[in-house]
C-alpha cells in the first residue's frame, strides 16, 4: 500500500484529525492522522506496529489566511494591556533558550498528546532540546508566567522540571467545578471532560492554592491512588478554610482515564451543575 497516497486521500483540512483502523497492522482505532500547519502527521499506537511519518503538503490560500489571522489574534490578546491584572502584576518570566517550538519534534509531541487524549495545539506545547522534555507553558492573564517540562525518557530525572516559581499551580479549563490533581497531564485530562483541572505541582497545598480555589463553586480533590491519605488531608484543609470540597478516591491516576474514575467524575459534574445524577460515556 502507498501509505502517503492513503493519507492524502483522507483529505484532511487544516487542524482536522482522523482516528481509525490502521492500514498496516489492521488494528482498530489505533491509527491517527492530523493536518497541522502544512504537515500531515500519522502514527499507529499498537505496540507491534511501527507505522508513522510526516508529509509536507501545500496549504490553501484560505488556510494560510486563517492561520495568520489566528496568530495575529493571539498576539493582540497576549499583548493587550487591558488583559493584565494591574492590581496583581504577574512575575517576569523567561524560558531558557533550549526551549523551542516543536519543529522537528512535532511528531513526538503529537504522539505524546494522542496517548493521553489532550490537545497539543490548545496547550501550546514546546520542546526542551537540552533536557529532552515536553514543556507545558503556564499562563496568568494570557501571559506566560512559568513552565514545567515532562521528561521523555523514564531514565531522565527528575520526571518533572519547573522552569520558574509561579505559586498558583497549573490550571486548565473554565468550569466552576475544579479538580485538584498532581501533574499537568492529569489537569489537561480533567479539562478534556469539561471540568477545570488544577495541578498543584508540589508536595503540599499552599495558601496561594487555597486562595485560588475560593473562586470555584465545588472543589474535588482527586490525587493519585498512592496519595489517598493526602487526598483526605487536603479536603479537610479546604473545608476548614470555608471551601466546598470533596475527596475522590481514584482507582488509577486520572491521566490514564480509567473508565470508573472518568464516569464518577462526570457523575459528580452532573450532580453539582444541576442537582441530577448524570453519567456520560467516558472519553475513549
Protein backbone atom coordinates (compact mmCIF):
# COMPACT_ATOMS: atom_id res chain seq x y z
CA UNK A 1 0.00 0.00 0.00
CA UNK A 2 1.12 3.53 -0.80
CA UNK A 3 0.71 4.99 2.69
CA UNK A 4 1.34 8.57 1.58
CA UNK A 5 -1.44 8.35 -1.01
CA UNK A 6 -3.70 6.76 1.61
CA UNK A 7 -3.02 9.69 3.95
CA UNK A 8 -3.66 12.24 1.17
CA UNK A 9 -6.93 10.54 0.22
CA UNK A 10 -8.29 11.24 3.72
CA UNK A 11 -8.43 14.86 2.52
CA UNK A 12 -7.98 16.38 5.96
CA UNK A 13 -8.27 20.14 6.20
CA UNK A 14 -6.03 22.33 8.38
CA UNK A 15 -6.44 21.38 12.06
CA UNK A 16 -8.54 18.31 11.29
CA UNK A 17 -7.73 14.89 12.80
CA UNK A 18 -8.58 11.31 11.89
CA UNK A 19 -8.53 8.20 14.05
CA UNK A 20 -9.40 4.72 12.82
CA UNK A 21 -8.23 1.32 11.65
CA UNK A 22 -4.52 1.04 10.88
CA UNK A 23 -3.90 0.31 7.17
CA UNK A 24 -0.70 -1.54 8.09
CA UNK A 25 -1.49 -3.82 11.07
CA UNK A 26 -5.29 -3.75 10.80
CA UNK A 27 -5.89 -2.91 14.45
CA UNK A 28 -9.00 -0.88 15.17
CA UNK A 29 -8.80 2.73 16.39
CA UNK A 30 -5.01 2.81 16.82
CA UNK A 31 -4.15 4.85 13.72
CA UNK A 32 -4.19 8.65 13.88
CA UNK A 33 -3.58 11.35 11.27
CA UNK A 34 -3.54 15.13 11.77
CA UNK A 35 -3.22 18.07 9.39
CA UNK A 36 -1.13 20.61 11.28
CA UNK A 37 0.29 23.77 9.69
CA UNK A 38 1.07 22.31 6.29
CA UNK A 39 2.14 18.89 7.56
CA UNK A 40 0.33 15.55 7.68
CA UNK A 41 1.45 13.56 10.73
CA UNK A 42 0.46 9.92 11.18
CA UNK A 43 1.16 7.23 13.73
CA UNK A 44 -0.12 3.81 14.84
CA UNK A 45 -0.13 3.26 18.60
CA UNK A 46 -0.21 -0.54 18.52
CA UNK A 47 2.97 -1.81 20.24
CA UNK A 48 3.87 -4.14 17.38
CA UNK A 49 3.28 -1.60 14.59
CA UNK A 50 5.89 0.99 13.63
CA UNK A 51 3.84 2.90 11.10
CA UNK A 52 4.45 6.65 11.47
CA UNK A 53 5.61 9.61 9.44
CA UNK A 54 5.32 13.25 8.38
CA UNK A 55 4.45 14.61 4.95
CA UNK A 56 4.69 18.26 3.95
CA UNK A 57 1.69 19.47 1.94
CA UNK A 58 0.60 22.71 0.36
CA UNK A 59 -1.84 24.81 2.36
CA UNK A 60 -4.64 26.55 0.53
CA UNK A 61 -4.72 30.34 0.40
CA UNK A 62 -7.74 30.30 2.71
CA UNK A 63 -5.98 28.03 5.25
CA UNK A 64 -2.89 30.26 5.27
CA UNK A 65 -5.06 33.34 5.73
CA UNK A 66 -6.98 31.75 8.63
CA UNK A 67 -3.73 30.65 10.28
CA UNK A 68 -2.26 34.14 10.07
CA UNK A 69 -5.46 35.66 11.47
CA UNK A 70 -5.39 33.22 14.41
CA UNK A 71 -1.78 34.08 15.20
CA UNK A 72 -2.43 37.81 14.93
CA UNK A 73 -5.48 37.49 17.18
CA UNK A 74 -3.43 35.60 19.78
CA UNK A 75 -0.64 38.20 19.59
CA UNK A 76 -3.09 41.05 20.12
CA UNK A 77 -4.76 39.23 23.03
CA UNK A 78 -1.48 38.49 24.79
CA UNK A 79 -0.07 41.98 24.33
CA UNK A 80 -3.26 43.90 25.07
CA UNK A 81 -2.64 45.80 28.33
CA UNK A 82 -6.37 45.57 29.17
CA UNK A 83 -5.86 41.84 29.80
CA UNK A 84 -3.29 42.42 32.50
CA UNK A 85 -4.24 42.38 36.16
CA UNK A 86 -2.79 45.69 37.30
CA UNK A 87 -3.81 45.00 40.90
CA UNK A 88 -1.66 41.87 40.95
CA UNK A 89 1.21 42.08 38.44
CA UNK A 90 2.34 38.76 37.08
CA UNK A 91 6.01 37.90 37.59
CA UNK A 92 8.56 38.42 34.82
CA UNK A 93 9.45 35.05 33.35
CA UNK A 94 11.70 33.93 30.52
CA UNK A 95 12.22 30.41 29.24
CA UNK A 96 15.77 29.18 28.62
CA UNK A 97 16.98 29.29 25.02
CA UNK A 98 16.89 25.49 24.84
CA UNK A 99 13.07 25.56 24.95
CA UNK A 100 11.82 25.93 21.38
CA UNK A 101 8.72 25.45 19.24
CA UNK A 102 8.07 21.79 18.33
CA UNK A 103 9.63 21.96 14.85
CA UNK A 104 11.27 18.64 14.03
CA UNK A 105 9.94 17.20 17.31
CA UNK A 106 6.33 17.78 16.28
CA UNK A 107 5.63 14.07 15.66
CA UNK A 108 6.93 13.16 19.12
CA UNK A 109 4.70 15.75 20.81
CA UNK A 110 1.74 14.68 18.67
CA UNK A 111 2.16 11.05 19.78
CA UNK A 112 2.53 12.10 23.43
CA UNK A 113 -0.73 14.07 23.29
CA UNK A 114 -2.58 11.31 21.46
CA UNK A 115 -1.53 8.83 24.15
CA UNK A 116 -3.31 10.93 26.79
CA UNK A 117 -6.08 12.37 24.63
CA UNK A 118 -5.05 16.00 25.11
CA UNK A 119 -4.89 18.86 22.59
CA UNK A 120 -1.32 19.86 21.73
CA UNK A 121 -2.38 22.99 19.85
CA UNK A 122 -4.62 24.36 22.61
CA UNK A 123 -1.88 23.73 25.17
CA UNK A 124 0.83 25.43 23.08
CA UNK A 125 3.37 22.76 24.00
CA UNK A 126 7.08 23.42 23.50
CA UNK A 127 10.18 21.24 23.50
CA UNK A 128 13.40 21.49 25.53
CA UNK A 129 16.16 20.21 23.24
CA UNK A 130 18.74 20.23 26.03
CA UNK A 131 16.66 18.44 28.66
CA UNK A 132 14.68 16.25 26.22
CA UNK A 133 11.37 17.35 27.72
CA UNK A 134 7.92 18.27 26.50
CA UNK A 135 7.20 21.67 28.04
CA UNK A 136 3.81 22.84 29.33
CA UNK A 137 3.61 26.67 29.43
CA UNK A 138 1.71 28.21 32.35
CA UNK A 139 -0.30 31.40 31.84
CA UNK A 140 -1.81 34.12 34.02
CA UNK A 141 -3.99 36.72 32.30
CA UNK A 142 -2.77 35.44 28.91
CA UNK A 143 0.87 36.00 29.88
CA UNK A 144 3.34 33.16 30.30
CA UNK A 145 4.46 33.13 33.93
CA UNK A 146 6.10 29.72 34.26
CA UNK A 147 6.51 26.35 32.56
CA UNK A 148 7.03 22.75 33.53
CA UNK A 149 8.82 20.10 31.49
CA UNK A 150 7.98 16.41 31.38
CA UNK A 151 10.90 14.05 30.63
CA UNK A 152 10.51 11.91 27.52
CA UNK A 153 12.62 9.00 28.75
CA UNK A 154 11.95 7.30 32.09
CA UNK A 155 15.69 7.33 32.80
CA UNK A 156 15.72 11.15 32.97
CA UNK A 157 15.35 12.54 36.48
CA UNK A 158 13.52 14.37 37.76
CA UNK A 159 10.49 13.37 35.70
CA UNK A 160 9.06 16.92 36.03
CA UNK A 161 11.20 20.08 35.88
CA UNK A 162 9.95 23.55 36.88
CA UNK A 163 11.37 26.50 34.93
CA UNK A 164 10.02 29.19 37.28
CA UNK A 165 8.36 29.60 40.66
CA UNK A 166 4.77 30.63 39.92
CA UNK A 167 2.79 29.70 43.02
CA UNK A 168 -0.81 29.23 41.83
CA UNK A 169 -0.38 25.88 40.08
CA UNK A 170 -1.09 24.70 36.54
CA UNK A 171 -4.72 25.48 35.67
CA UNK A 172 -6.68 24.23 32.67
CA UNK A 173 -10.38 24.82 32.00
CA UNK A 174 -13.07 27.39 32.78
CA UNK A 175 -15.65 25.34 34.69
CA UNK A 176 -16.63 26.46 38.21
CA UNK A 177 -16.07 22.90 39.39
CA UNK A 178 -12.35 22.31 40.00
CA UNK A 179 -10.50 19.02 40.32
CA UNK A 180 -7.22 19.14 42.25
CA UNK A 181 -4.66 16.73 40.77
CA UNK A 182 -0.92 16.20 40.96
CA UNK A 183 0.51 16.83 37.48
CA UNK A 184 -0.06 18.75 34.25
CA UNK A 185 -1.24 15.78 32.19
CA UNK A 186 -3.96 14.96 34.73
CA UNK A 187 -5.10 18.61 34.74
CA UNK A 188 -5.38 18.54 30.93
CA UNK A 189 -7.36 15.28 31.01
CA UNK A 190 -9.75 16.86 33.55
CA UNK A 191 -10.19 19.84 31.21
CA UNK A 192 -11.00 17.47 28.33
CA UNK A 193 -14.08 16.16 30.18
CA UNK A 194 -15.44 19.64 30.86
CA UNK A 195 -14.09 20.42 34.34
CA UNK A 196 -11.24 22.65 35.50
CA UNK A 197 -8.05 20.77 36.28
CA UNK A 198 -5.63 22.27 38.80
CA UNK A 199 -2.23 20.63 39.25
CA UNK A 200 -0.66 21.76 42.49
CA UNK A 201 2.86 20.83 41.28
CA UNK A 202 4.29 20.14 44.70
CA UNK A 203 4.14 18.18 47.91
CA UNK A 204 1.81 20.49 49.82
CA UNK A 205 -1.27 22.64 49.45
CA UNK A 206 -0.13 26.24 49.89
CA UNK A 207 -2.00 29.35 50.97
CA UNK A 208 -1.85 30.56 47.35
CA UNK A 209 -3.57 27.36 46.18
CA UNK A 210 -6.27 27.75 48.83
CA UNK A 211 -6.98 31.38 47.91
CA UNK A 212 -7.14 30.48 44.23
CA UNK A 213 -9.62 27.66 44.92
CA UNK A 214 -12.06 30.01 46.68
CA UNK A 215 -13.48 31.17 43.34
CA UNK A 216 -14.83 27.71 42.49
CA UNK A 217 -18.31 26.52 43.49
CA UNK A 218 -17.06 22.99 44.16
CA UNK A 219 -13.58 21.52 44.56
CA UNK A 220 -12.92 17.80 44.09
CA UNK A 221 -9.58 16.54 45.43
CA UNK A 222 -8.51 13.62 43.22
CA UNK A 223 -4.85 12.87 43.82
CA UNK A 224 -3.20 9.66 42.62
CA UNK A 225 -4.21 6.43 44.45
CA UNK A 226 -0.89 6.23 46.31
CA UNK A 227 -1.67 9.63 47.86
CA UNK A 228 -5.05 8.69 49.36
CA UNK A 229 -4.07 9.98 52.81
CA UNK A 230 -3.04 13.33 51.31
CA UNK A 231 -6.36 13.49 49.43
CA UNK A 232 -8.21 13.34 52.75
CA UNK A 233 -5.79 15.81 54.34
CA UNK A 234 -6.23 18.38 51.55
CA UNK A 235 -10.01 18.00 51.59
CA UNK A 236 -10.15 18.67 55.33
CA UNK A 237 -7.84 21.67 54.95
CA UNK A 238 -10.00 23.16 52.22
CA UNK A 239 -13.20 22.60 54.18
CA UNK A 240 -11.56 24.21 57.22
CA UNK A 241 -10.98 27.28 55.05
CA UNK A 242 -14.64 27.51 54.03
CA UNK A 243 -14.27 25.83 50.62
CA UNK A 244 -16.91 23.35 49.42
CA UNK A 245 -14.52 20.42 48.95
CA UNK A 246 -14.97 16.71 48.28
CA UNK A 247 -12.49 13.81 48.31
CA UNK A 248 -12.48 11.34 45.42
CA UNK A 249 -10.68 8.03 45.87
CA UNK A 250 -9.34 7.10 42.44
CA UNK A 251 -8.72 3.58 41.21
CA UNK A 252 -5.87 4.80 38.98
CA UNK A 253 -4.08 8.03 38.07
CA UNK A 254 -6.69 10.22 36.37
CA UNK A 255 -4.43 10.71 33.33
CA UNK A 256 -4.90 7.03 32.44
CA UNK A 257 -8.66 7.60 32.08
CA UNK A 258 -9.82 4.50 33.91
CA UNK A 259 -13.48 4.07 32.98
CA UNK A 260 -14.82 4.02 36.54
CA UNK A 261 -12.86 7.15 37.53
CA UNK A 262 -14.00 9.16 34.49
CA UNK A 263 -17.60 8.02 34.91
CA UNK A 264 -17.66 9.08 38.56
CA UNK A 265 -16.16 12.49 37.80
CA UNK A 266 -18.80 13.03 35.14
CA UNK A 267 -21.49 11.91 37.58
CA UNK A 268 -20.25 14.46 40.12
CA UNK A 269 -20.14 17.11 37.41
CA UNK A 270 -23.79 16.45 36.55
CA UNK A 271 -24.90 16.44 40.17
CA UNK A 272 -23.06 19.64 41.00
CA UNK A 273 -24.25 21.53 37.94
CA UNK A 274 -27.98 20.79 38.05
CA UNK A 275 -28.69 18.55 41.01
CA UNK A 276 -29.35 15.42 38.95
CA UNK A 277 -27.04 12.41 38.68
CA UNK A 278 -25.68 12.21 35.15
CA UNK A 279 -23.23 9.61 33.89
CA UNK A 280 -21.93 10.20 30.37
CA UNK A 281 -19.81 7.88 28.32
CA UNK A 282 -16.15 8.30 29.27
CA UNK A 283 -13.72 9.61 26.70
CA UNK A 284 -12.09 6.67 24.97
